[in-house]
């Protein structure tokens, strides 16, 4: 996609894609986009810090990252437990085979 057709957004406002908009409306749409960004910034300044986008989203992303790390740790532990069980199973099978060999079964 042509970068000239994308107008950057700002934090809680997504980028504006002009590719599906009639070129005669581009100027108005871009102006409105920048007005929306200006309004968004004013609104964010009026909110308590804990409710501002960057803080709320930062907190949400931190929770997601902690969840991802916990899930990864659980996966590692489950894999290690499975590896230990597999090793014990292989040792039992090996002992049984040795016993069979000794008794010629």
PDB file of N, CA and C in Angstrom:
ATOM      1  N   UNK A   1       0.851  -1.176   0.000  1.00  0.00           N
ATOM      2  CA  UNK A   1       0.000   0.000   0.000  1.00  0.00           C
ATOM      3  C   UNK A   1       0.893   1.234   0.000  1.00  0.00           C
ATOM      4  N   UNK A   2       0.485   2.246  -0.686  1.00  0.00           N
ATOM      5  CA  UNK A   2       1.242   3.474  -0.819  1.00  0.00           C
ATOM      6  C   UNK A   2       1.204   4.252   0.498  1.00  0.00           C
ATOM      7  N   UNK A   3       2.390   4.595   1.041  1.00  0.00           N
ATOM      8  CA  UNK A   3       2.464   5.331   2.310  1.00  0.00           C
ATOM      9  C   UNK A   3       1.853   6.719   2.221  1.00  0.00           C
ATOM     10  N   UNK A   4       1.763   7.274   1.017  1.00  0.00           N
ATOM     11  CA  UNK A   4       1.148   8.598   0.855  1.00  0.00           C
ATOM     12  C   UNK A   4      -0.355   8.519   1.099  1.00  0.00           C
ATOM     13  N   UNK A   5      -0.891   7.316   1.068  1.00  0.00           N
ATOM     14  CA  UNK A   5      -2.320   7.127   1.280  1.00  0.00           C
ATOM     15  C   UNK A   5      -2.649   6.844   2.751  1.00  0.00           C
ATOM     16  N   UNK A   6      -1.619   6.793   3.596  1.00  0.00           N
ATOM     17  CA  UNK A   6      -1.817   6.531   5.020  1.00  0.00           C
ATOM     18  C   UNK A   6      -1.418   7.766   5.808  1.00  0.00           C
ATOM     19  N   UNK A   7      -2.323   8.255   6.634  1.00  0.00           N
ATOM     20  CA  UNK A   7      -2.044   9.387   7.520  1.00  0.00           C
ATOM     21  C   UNK A   7      -1.926   8.801   8.922  1.00  0.00           C
ATOM     22  N   UNK A   8      -0.781   9.035   9.559  1.00  0.00           N
ATOM     23  CA  UNK A   8      -0.516   8.460  10.874  1.00  0.00           C
ATOM     24  C   UNK A   8      -1.559   8.888  11.894  1.00  0.00           C
ATOM     25  N   UNK A   9      -1.891   7.945  12.774  1.00  0.00           N
ATOM     26  CA  UNK A   9      -2.794   8.234  13.875  1.00  0.00           C
ATOM     27  C   UNK A   9      -1.994   8.665  15.089  1.00  0.00           C
ATOM     28  N   UNK A  10      -2.611   8.573  16.252  1.00  0.00           N
ATOM     29  CA  UNK A  10      -1.937   8.969  17.480  1.00  0.00           C
ATOM     30  C   UNK A  10      -2.500   8.144  18.618  1.00  0.00           C
ATOM     31  N   UNK A  11      -1.672   7.327  19.228  1.00  0.00           N
ATOM     32  CA  UNK A  11      -2.032   6.467  20.360  1.00  0.00           C
ATOM     33  C   UNK A  11      -3.404   5.805  20.175  1.00  0.00           C
ATOM     34  N   UNK A  12      -4.469   6.396  20.726  1.00  0.00           N
ATOM     35  CA  UNK A  12      -5.793   5.784  20.665  1.00  0.00           C
ATOM     36  C   UNK A  12      -6.528   6.012  19.357  1.00  0.00           C
ATOM     37  N   UNK A  13      -5.919   6.742  18.443  1.00  0.00           N
ATOM     38  CA  UNK A  13      -6.559   7.010  17.146  1.00  0.00           C
ATOM     39  C   UNK A  13      -5.757   6.279  16.076  1.00  0.00           C
ATOM     40  N   UNK A  14      -6.423   5.404  15.369  1.00  0.00           N
ATOM     41  CA  UNK A  14      -5.703   4.613  14.368  1.00  0.00           C
ATOM     42  C   UNK A  14      -5.360   5.422  13.128  1.00  0.00           C
ATOM     43  N   UNK A  15      -4.447   4.863  12.334  1.00  0.00           N
ATOM     44  CA  UNK A  15      -4.042   5.514  11.087  1.00  0.00           C
ATOM     45  C   UNK A  15      -5.246   5.664  10.159  1.00  0.00           C
ATOM     46  N   UNK A  16      -5.173   6.678   9.317  1.00  0.00           N
ATOM     47  CA  UNK A  16      -6.239   6.940   8.355  1.00  0.00           C
ATOM     48  C   UNK A  16      -5.784   6.441   6.987  1.00  0.00           C
ATOM     49  N   UNK A  17      -6.558   5.541   6.408  1.00  0.00           N
ATOM     50  CA  UNK A  17      -6.260   4.988   5.082  1.00  0.00           C
ATOM     51  C   UNK A  17      -7.120   5.716   4.049  1.00  0.00           C
ATOM     52  N   UNK A  18      -6.466   6.446   3.167  1.00  0.00           N
ATOM     53  CA  UNK A  18      -7.178   7.238   2.163  1.00  0.00           C
ATOM     54  C   UNK A  18      -7.426   6.472   0.869  1.00  0.00           C
ATOM     55  N   UNK A  19      -6.954   5.240   0.788  1.00  0.00           N
ATOM     56  CA  UNK A  19      -7.025   4.499  -0.472  1.00  0.00           C
ATOM     57  C   UNK A  19      -8.460   4.233  -0.943  1.00  0.00           C
ATOM     58  N   UNK A  20      -9.402   4.156  -0.031  1.00  0.00           N
ATOM     59  CA  UNK A  20     -10.775   3.874  -0.444  1.00  0.00           C
ATOM     60  C   UNK A  20     -11.664   5.126  -0.428  1.00  0.00           C
ATOM     61  N   UNK A  21     -11.020   6.284  -0.281  1.00  0.00           N
ATOM     62  CA  UNK A  21     -11.768   7.542  -0.220  1.00  0.00           C
ATOM     63  C   UNK A  21     -11.529   8.317  -1.514  1.00  0.00           C
ATOM     64  N   UNK A  22     -12.577   8.862  -2.040  1.00  0.00           N
ATOM     65  CA  UNK A  22     -12.488   9.661  -3.263  1.00  0.00           C
ATOM     66  C   UNK A  22     -11.489  10.804  -3.040  1.00  0.00           C
ATOM     67  N   UNK A  23     -10.513  10.972  -3.961  1.00  0.00           N
ATOM     68  CA  UNK A  23      -9.473  11.997  -3.797  1.00  0.00           C
ATOM     69  C   UNK A  23     -10.000  13.408  -3.573  1.00  0.00           C
ATOM     70  N   UNK A  24     -11.177  13.706  -4.052  1.00  0.00           N
ATOM     71  CA  UNK A  24     -11.693  15.065  -3.853  1.00  0.00           C
ATOM     72  C   UNK A  24     -12.046  15.334  -2.383  1.00  0.00           C
ATOM     73  N   UNK A  25     -12.170  14.269  -1.592  1.00  0.00           N
ATOM     74  CA  UNK A  25     -12.485  14.420  -0.167  1.00  0.00           C
ATOM     75  C   UNK A  25     -11.251  14.304   0.729  1.00  0.00           C
ATOM     76  N   UNK A  26     -10.095  13.998   0.154  1.00  0.00           N
ATOM     77  CA  UNK A  26      -8.898  13.767   0.958  1.00  0.00           C
ATOM     78  C   UNK A  26      -8.586  14.931   1.893  1.00  0.00           C
ATOM     79  N   UNK A  27      -8.600  16.117   1.379  1.00  0.00           N
ATOM     80  CA  UNK A  27      -8.240  17.290   2.184  1.00  0.00           C
ATOM     81  C   UNK A  27      -9.148  17.411   3.411  1.00  0.00           C
ATOM     82  N   UNK A  28     -10.445  17.262   3.201  1.00  0.00           N
ATOM     83  CA  UNK A  28     -11.404  17.373   4.313  1.00  0.00           C
ATOM     84  C   UNK A  28     -11.237  16.235   5.316  1.00  0.00           C
ATOM     85  N   UNK A  29     -11.028  15.048   4.798  1.00  0.00           N
ATOM     86  CA  UNK A  29     -10.899  13.877   5.679  1.00  0.00           C
ATOM     87  C   UNK A  29      -9.621  13.982   6.515  1.00  0.00           C
ATOM     88  N   UNK A  30      -8.533  14.404   5.895  1.00  0.00           N
ATOM     89  CA  UNK A  30      -7.273  14.567   6.627  1.00  0.00           C
ATOM     90  C   UNK A  30      -7.413  15.662   7.684  1.00  0.00           C
ATOM     91  N   UNK A  31      -8.043  16.760   7.329  1.00  0.00           N
ATOM     92  CA  UNK A  31      -8.263  17.847   8.285  1.00  0.00           C
ATOM     93  C   UNK A  31      -9.066  17.328   9.483  1.00  0.00           C
ATOM     94  N   UNK A  32     -10.127  16.587   9.195  1.00  0.00           N
ATOM     95  CA  UNK A  32     -10.955  16.034  10.269  1.00  0.00           C
ATOM     96  C   UNK A  32     -10.149  15.055  11.136  1.00  0.00           C
ATOM     97  N   UNK A  33      -9.288  14.293  10.506  1.00  0.00           N
ATOM     98  CA  UNK A  33      -8.440  13.344  11.229  1.00  0.00           C
ATOM     99  C   UNK A  33      -7.558  14.100  12.227  1.00  0.00           C
ATOM    100  N   UNK A  34      -6.925  15.169  11.777  1.00  0.00           N
ATOM    101  CA  UNK A  34      -6.059  15.940  12.665  1.00  0.00           C
ATOM    102  C   UNK A  34      -6.867  16.653  13.750  1.00  0.00           C
ATOM    103  N   UNK A  35      -8.075  17.067  13.434  1.00  0.00           N
ATOM    104  CA  UNK A  35      -8.944  17.658  14.463  1.00  0.00           C
ATOM    105  C   UNK A  35      -9.305  16.609  15.517  1.00  0.00           C
ATOM    106  N   UNK A  36      -9.579  15.399  15.067  1.00  0.00           N
ATOM    107  CA  UNK A  36      -9.881  14.306  15.997  1.00  0.00           C
ATOM    108  C   UNK A  36      -8.692  14.046  16.929  1.00  0.00           C
ATOM    109  N   UNK A  37      -7.499  14.075  16.368  1.00  0.00           N
ATOM    110  CA  UNK A  37      -6.296  13.862  17.185  1.00  0.00           C
ATOM    111  C   UNK A  37      -6.151  14.984  18.211  1.00  0.00           C
ATOM    112  N   UNK A  38      -6.358  16.223  17.781  1.00  0.00           N
ATOM    113  CA  UNK A  38      -6.267  17.366  18.693  1.00  0.00           C
ATOM    114  C   UNK A  38      -7.295  17.230  19.819  1.00  0.00           C
ATOM    115  N   UNK A  39      -8.519  16.884  19.460  1.00  0.00           N
ATOM    116  CA  UNK A  39      -9.591  16.690  20.443  1.00  0.00           C
ATOM    117  C   UNK A  39      -9.253  15.549  21.398  1.00  0.00           C
ATOM    118  N   UNK A  40      -8.705  14.488  20.847  1.00  0.00           N
ATOM    119  CA  UNK A  40      -8.319  13.330  21.652  1.00  0.00           C
ATOM    120  C   UNK A  40      -7.268  13.739  22.690  1.00  0.00           C
ATOM    121  N   UNK A  41      -6.260  14.505  22.271  1.00  0.00           N
ATOM    122  CA  UNK A  41      -5.212  14.948  23.189  1.00  0.00           C
ATOM    123  C   UNK A  41      -5.795  15.797  24.311  1.00  0.00           C
ATOM    124  N   UNK A  42      -6.717  16.705  23.962  1.00  0.00           N
ATOM    125  CA  UNK A  42      -7.344  17.547  24.983  1.00  0.00           C
ATOM    126  C   UNK A  42      -8.132  16.692  25.969  1.00  0.00           C
ATOM    127  N   UNK A  43      -8.868  15.739  25.448  1.00  0.00           N
ATOM    128  CA  UNK A  43      -9.661  14.854  26.303  1.00  0.00           C
ATOM    129  C   UNK A  43      -8.761  14.058  27.240  1.00  0.00           C
ATOM    130  N   UNK A  44      -7.647  13.552  26.728  1.00  0.00           N
ATOM    131  CA  UNK A  44      -6.726  12.770  27.552  1.00  0.00           C
ATOM    132  C   UNK A  44      -6.108  13.608  28.666  1.00  0.00           C
ATOM    133  N   UNK A  45      -5.807  14.868  28.381  1.00  0.00           N
ATOM    134  CA  UNK A  45      -5.234  15.755  29.404  1.00  0.00           C
ATOM    135  C   UNK A  45      -6.228  16.008  30.538  1.00  0.00           C
ATOM    136  N   UNK A  46      -7.522  15.961  30.226  1.00  0.00           N
ATOM    137  CA  UNK A  46      -8.542  16.222  31.246  1.00  0.00           C
ATOM    138  C   UNK A  46      -8.808  15.007  32.134  1.00  0.00           C
ATOM    139  N   UNK A  47      -8.436  13.854  31.674  1.00  0.00           N
ATOM    140  CA  UNK A  47      -8.682  12.640  32.451  1.00  0.00           C
ATOM    141  C   UNK A  47      -7.659  12.500  33.583  1.00  0.00           C
ATOM    142  N   UNK A  48      -8.051  11.800  34.650  1.00  0.00           N
ATOM    143  CA  UNK A  48      -7.052  11.478  35.681  1.00  0.00           C
ATOM    144  C   UNK A  48      -5.962  10.602  35.042  1.00  0.00           C
ATOM    145  N   UNK A  49      -4.737  10.705  35.548  1.00  0.00           N
ATOM    146  CA  UNK A  49      -3.619   9.983  34.935  1.00  0.00           C
ATOM    147  C   UNK A  49      -3.900   8.494  34.790  1.00  0.00           C
ATOM    148  N   UNK A  50      -4.513   7.899  35.789  1.00  0.00           N
ATOM    149  CA  UNK A  50      -4.733   6.450  35.737  1.00  0.00           C
ATOM    150  C   UNK A  50      -5.712   6.038  34.630  1.00  0.00           C
ATOM    151  N   UNK A  51      -6.528   6.979  34.153  1.00  0.00           N
ATOM    152  CA  UNK A  51      -7.512   6.670  33.112  1.00  0.00           C
ATOM    153  C   UNK A  51      -7.065   7.098  31.717  1.00  0.00           C
ATOM    154  N   UNK A  52      -5.889   7.649  31.606  1.00  0.00           N
ATOM    155  CA  UNK A  52      -5.405   8.062  30.296  1.00  0.00           C
ATOM    156  C   UNK A  52      -5.010   6.836  29.484  1.00  0.00           C
ATOM    157  N   UNK A  53      -5.136   6.962  28.182  1.00  0.00           N
ATOM    158  CA  UNK A  53      -4.891   5.840  27.271  1.00  0.00           C
ATOM    159  C   UNK A  53      -3.540   5.186  27.520  1.00  0.00           C
ATOM    160  N   UNK A  54      -2.483   5.993  27.563  1.00  0.00           N
ATOM    161  CA  UNK A  54      -1.142   5.415  27.684  1.00  0.00           C
ATOM    162  C   UNK A  54      -0.970   4.645  28.980  1.00  0.00           C
ATOM    163  N   UNK A  55      -1.626   5.095  30.067  1.00  0.00           N
ATOM    164  CA  UNK A  55      -1.525   4.393  31.343  1.00  0.00           C
ATOM    165  C   UNK A  55      -2.409   3.153  31.359  1.00  0.00           C
ATOM    166  N   UNK A  56      -3.638   3.303  30.885  1.00  0.00           N
ATOM    167  CA  UNK A  56      -4.555   2.162  30.870  1.00  0.00           C
ATOM    168  C   UNK A  56      -4.033   1.068  29.933  1.00  0.00           C
ATOM    169  N   UNK A  57      -3.577   1.468  28.752  1.00  0.00           N
ATOM    170  CA  UNK A  57      -3.064   0.485  27.797  1.00  0.00           C
ATOM    171  C   UNK A  57      -1.736  -0.092  28.275  1.00  0.00           C
ATOM    172  N   UNK A  58      -0.915   0.755  28.883  1.00  0.00           N
ATOM    173  CA  UNK A  58       0.351   0.259  29.428  1.00  0.00           C
ATOM    174  C   UNK A  58       0.100  -0.810  30.471  1.00  0.00           C
ATOM    175  N   UNK A  59      -0.881  -0.566  31.322  1.00  0.00           N
ATOM    176  CA  UNK A  59      -1.237  -1.548  32.346  1.00  0.00           C
ATOM    177  C   UNK A  59      -1.760  -2.833  31.695  1.00  0.00           C
ATOM    178  N   UNK A  60      -2.609  -2.687  30.698  1.00  0.00           N
ATOM    179  CA  UNK A  60      -3.159  -3.866  30.006  1.00  0.00           C
ATOM    180  C   UNK A  60      -2.043  -4.652  29.318  1.00  0.00           C
ATOM    181  N   UNK A  61      -1.118  -3.954  28.659  1.00  0.00           N
ATOM    182  CA  UNK A  61      -0.010  -4.640  27.990  1.00  0.00           C
ATOM    183  C   UNK A  61       0.899  -5.326  29.000  1.00  0.00           C
ATOM    184  N   UNK A  62       1.068  -4.719  30.166  1.00  0.00           N
ATOM    185  CA  UNK A  62       1.886  -5.329  31.218  1.00  0.00           C
ATOM    186  C   UNK A  62       1.231  -6.623  31.704  1.00  0.00           C
ATOM    187  N   UNK A  63      -0.087  -6.594  31.890  1.00  0.00           N
ATOM    188  CA  UNK A  63      -0.814  -7.797  32.305  1.00  0.00           C
ATOM    189  C   UNK A  63      -0.690  -8.888  31.241  1.00  0.00           C
ATOM    190  N   UNK A  64      -0.830  -8.508  29.979  1.00  0.00           N
ATOM    191  CA  UNK A  64      -0.695  -9.482  28.894  1.00  0.00           C
ATOM    192  C   UNK A  64       0.708 -10.092  28.868  1.00  0.00           C
ATOM    193  N   UNK A  65       1.714  -9.263  29.081  1.00  0.00           N
ATOM    194  CA  UNK A  65       3.092  -9.757  29.084  1.00  0.00           C
ATOM    195  C   UNK A  65       3.328 -10.705  30.256  1.00  0.00           C
ATOM    196  N   UNK A  66       2.819 -10.352  31.432  1.00  0.00           N
ATOM    197  CA  UNK A  66       2.941 -11.237  32.595  1.00  0.00           C
ATOM    198  C   UNK A  66       2.221 -12.562  32.341  1.00  0.00           C
ATOM    199  N   UNK A  67       1.048 -12.496  31.717  1.00  0.00           N
ATOM    200  CA  UNK A  67       0.307 -13.704  31.388  1.00  0.00           C
ATOM    201  C   UNK A  67       1.076 -14.564  30.388  1.00  0.00           C
ATOM    202  N   UNK A  68       1.687 -13.911  29.401  1.00  0.00           N
ATOM    203  CA  UNK A  68       2.472 -14.650  28.409  1.00  0.00           C
ATOM    204  C   UNK A  68       3.656 -15.357  29.078  1.00  0.00           C
ATOM    205  N   UNK A  69       4.329 -14.640  29.995  1.00  0.00           N
ATOM    206  CA  UNK A  69       5.470 -15.232  30.696  1.00  0.00           C
ATOM    207  C   UNK A  69       5.029 -16.408  31.576  1.00  0.00           C
ATOM    208  N   UNK A  70       3.905 -16.245  32.266  1.00  0.00           N
ATOM    209  CA  UNK A  70       3.400 -17.316  33.121  1.00  0.00           C
ATOM    210  C   UNK A  70       3.026 -18.544  32.288  1.00  0.00           C
ATOM    211  N   UNK A  71       2.396 -18.301  31.152  1.00  0.00           N
ATOM    212  CA  UNK A  71       2.025 -19.404  30.265  1.00  0.00           C
ATOM    213  C   UNK A  71       3.261 -20.120  29.745  1.00  0.00           C
ATOM    214  N   UNK A  72       4.268 -19.362  29.378  1.00  0.00           N
ATOM    215  CA  UNK A  72       5.528 -19.947  28.895  1.00  0.00           C
ATOM    216  C   UNK A  72       6.197 -20.770  29.991  1.00  0.00           C
ATOM    217  N   UNK A  73       6.196 -20.253  31.219  1.00  0.00           N
ATOM    218  CA  UNK A  73       6.780 -20.987  32.339  1.00  0.00           C
ATOM    219  C   UNK A  73       6.022 -22.287  32.596  1.00  0.00           C
ATOM    220  N   UNK A  74       4.697 -22.231  32.511  1.00  0.00           N
ATOM    221  CA  UNK A  74       3.888 -23.446  32.695  1.00  0.00           C
ATOM    222  C   UNK A  74       4.192 -24.465  31.600  1.00  0.00           C
ATOM    223  N   UNK A  75       4.390 -23.992  30.374  1.00  0.00           N
ATOM    224  CA  UNK A  75       4.718 -24.887  29.270  1.00  0.00           C
ATOM    225  C   UNK A  75       6.073 -25.551  29.505  1.00  0.00           C
ATOM    226  N   UNK A  76       7.051 -24.764  29.962  1.00  0.00           N
ATOM    227  CA  UNK A  76       8.386 -25.301  30.238  1.00  0.00           C
ATOM    228  C   UNK A  76       8.313 -26.358  31.335  1.00  0.00           C
ATOM    229  N   UNK A  77       7.572 -26.060  32.401  1.00  0.00           N
ATOM    230  CA  UNK A  77       7.440 -27.006  33.512  1.00  0.00           C
ATOM    231  C   UNK A  77       6.724 -28.278  33.068  1.00  0.00           C
ATOM    232  N   UNK A  78       5.679 -28.142  32.248  1.00  0.00           N
ATOM    233  CA  UNK A  78       4.955 -29.316  31.753  1.00  0.00           C
ATOM    234  C   UNK A  78       5.862 -30.167  30.863  1.00  0.00           C
ATOM    235  N   UNK A  79       6.661 -29.525  30.026  1.00  0.00           N
ATOM    236  CA  UNK A  79       7.597 -30.260  29.170  1.00  0.00           C
ATOM    237  C   UNK A  79       8.641 -30.994  30.001  1.00  0.00           C
ATOM    238  N   UNK A  80       9.145 -30.350  31.059  1.00  0.00           N
ATOM    239  CA  UNK A  80      10.146 -30.979  31.922  1.00  0.00           C
ATOM    240  C   UNK A  80       9.540 -32.168  32.664  1.00  0.00           C
ATOM    241  N   UNK A  81       8.323 -32.013  33.152  1.00  0.00           N
ATOM    242  CA  UNK A  81       7.640 -33.113  33.830  1.00  0.00           C
ATOM    243  C   UNK A  81       7.432 -34.287  32.870  1.00  0.00           C
ATOM    244  N   UNK A  82       7.021 -33.987  31.649  1.00  0.00           N
ATOM    245  CA  UNK A  82       6.829 -35.039  30.648  1.00  0.00           C
ATOM    246  C   UNK A  82       8.154 -35.720  30.328  1.00  0.00           C
ATOM    247  N   UNK A  83       9.228 -34.942  30.233  1.00  0.00           N
ATOM    248  CA  UNK A  83      10.543 -35.514  29.947  1.00  0.00           C
ATOM    249  C   UNK A  83      10.964 -36.466  31.065  1.00  0.00           C
ATOM    250  N   UNK A  84      10.719 -36.060  32.327  1.00  0.00           N
ATOM    251  CA  UNK A  84      11.062 -36.914  33.468  1.00  0.00           C
ATOM    252  C   UNK A  84      10.252 -38.204  33.445  1.00  0.00           C
ATOM    253  N   UNK A  85       8.948 -38.097  33.173  1.00  0.00           N
ATOM    254  CA  UNK A  85       8.104 -39.291  33.109  1.00  0.00           C
ATOM    255  C   UNK A  85       8.548 -40.220  31.984  1.00  0.00           C
ATOM    256  N   UNK A  86       8.892 -39.640  30.836  1.00  0.00           N
ATOM    257  CA  UNK A  86       9.371 -40.445  29.710  1.00  0.00           C
ATOM    258  C   UNK A  86      10.667 -41.162  30.067  1.00  0.00           C
ATOM    259  N   UNK A  87      11.556 -40.462  30.757  1.00  0.00           N
ATOM    260  CA  UNK A  87      12.831 -41.063  31.152  1.00  0.00           C
ATOM    261  C   UNK A  87      12.605 -42.213  32.129  1.00  0.00           C
ATOM    262  N   UNK A  88      11.724 -42.017  33.120  1.00  0.00           N
ATOM    263  CA  UNK A  88      11.404 -43.077  34.081  1.00  0.00           C
ATOM    264  C   UNK A  88      10.794 -44.278  33.368  1.00  0.00           C
ATOM    265  N   UNK A  89       9.904 -44.020  32.416  1.00  0.00           N
ATOM    266  CA  UNK A  89       9.256 -45.087  31.657  1.00  0.00           C
ATOM    267  C   UNK A  89      10.298 -45.877  30.850  1.00  0.00           C
ATOM    268  N   UNK A  90      11.223 -45.161  30.226  1.00  0.00           N
ATOM    269  CA  UNK A  90      12.270 -45.825  29.450  1.00  0.00           C
ATOM    270  C   UNK A  90      13.170 -46.663  30.344  1.00  0.00           C
ATOM    271  N   UNK A  91      13.476 -46.173  31.552  1.00  0.00           N
ATOM    272  CA  UNK A  91      14.302 -46.929  32.501  1.00  0.00           C
ATOM    273  C   UNK A  91      13.581 -48.208  32.948  1.00  0.00           C
ATOM    274  N   UNK A  92      12.271 -48.113  33.207  1.00  0.00           N
ATOM    275  CA  UNK A  92      11.495 -49.307  33.592  1.00  0.00           C
ATOM    276  C   UNK A  92      11.495 -50.330  32.470  1.00  0.00           C
ATOM    277  N   UNK A  93      11.279 -49.866  31.244  1.00  0.00           N
ATOM    278  CA  UNK A  93      11.267 -50.766  30.095  1.00  0.00           C
ATOM    279  C   UNK A  93      12.628 -51.435  29.945  1.00  0.00           C
ATOM    280  N   UNK A  94      13.678 -50.665  30.121  1.00  0.00           N
ATOM    281  CA  UNK A  94      15.039 -51.210  30.013  1.00  0.00           C
ATOM    282  C   UNK A  94      15.283 -52.278  31.087  1.00  0.00           C
ATOM    283  N   UNK A  95      14.839 -52.016  32.333  1.00  0.00           N
ATOM    284  CA  UNK A  95      15.000 -52.999  33.412  1.00  0.00           C
ATOM    285  C   UNK A  95      14.212 -54.269  33.110  1.00  0.00           C
ATOM    286  N   UNK A  96      12.983 -54.096  32.591  1.00  0.00           N
ATOM    287  CA  UNK A  96      12.162 -55.267  32.246  1.00  0.00           C
ATOM    288  C   UNK A  96      12.847 -56.078  31.159  1.00  0.00           C
ATOM    289  N   UNK A  97      13.399 -55.405  30.160  1.00  0.00           N
ATOM    290  CA  UNK A  97      14.088 -56.113  29.078  1.00  0.00           C
ATOM    291  C   UNK A  97      15.319 -56.844  29.598  1.00  0.00           C
ATOM    292  N   UNK A  98      16.056 -56.239  30.543  1.00  0.00           N
ATOM    293  CA  UNK A  98      17.226 -56.906  31.141  1.00  0.00           C
ATOM    294  C   UNK A  98      16.811 -58.150  31.916  1.00  0.00           C
ATOM    295  N   UNK A  99      15.701 -58.007  32.687  1.00  0.00           N
ATOM    296  CA  UNK A  99      15.212 -59.149  33.453  1.00  0.00           C
ATOM    297  C   UNK A  99      14.791 -60.280  32.511  1.00  0.00           C
ATOM    298  N   UNK A 100      14.106 -59.932  31.442  1.00  0.00           N
ATOM    299  CA  UNK A 100      13.688 -60.935  30.466  1.00  0.00           C
ATOM    300  C   UNK A 100      14.883 -61.626  29.852  1.00  0.00           C
ATOM    301  N   UNK A 101      15.940 -60.844  29.610  1.00  0.00           N
ATOM    302  CA  UNK A 101      17.143 -61.384  29.005  1.00  0.00           C
ATOM    303  C   UNK A 101      17.819 -62.351  29.986  1.00  0.00           C
ATOM    304  N   UNK A 102      17.873 -61.960  31.267  1.00  0.00           N
ATOM    305  CA  UNK A 102      18.497 -62.809  32.281  1.00  0.00           C
ATOM    306  C   UNK A 102      17.728 -64.123  32.436  1.00  0.00           C
ATOM    307  N   UNK A 103      16.434 -64.052  32.414  1.00  0.00           N
ATOM    308  CA  UNK A 103      15.594 -65.232  32.602  1.00  0.00           C
ATOM    309  C   UNK A 103      15.259 -65.905  31.274  1.00  0.00           C
ATOM    310  N   UNK A 104      15.765 -65.328  30.207  1.00  0.00           N
ATOM    311  CA  UNK A 104      15.566 -65.872  28.867  1.00  0.00           C
ATOM    312  C   UNK A 104      14.088 -66.045  28.540  1.00  0.00           C
ATOM    313  N   UNK A 105      13.346 -64.995  28.814  1.00  0.00           N
ATOM    314  CA  UNK A 105      11.909 -65.014  28.538  1.00  0.00           C
ATOM    315  C   UNK A 105      11.600 -64.437  27.200  1.00  0.00           C
TER     316      UNK A 105
END
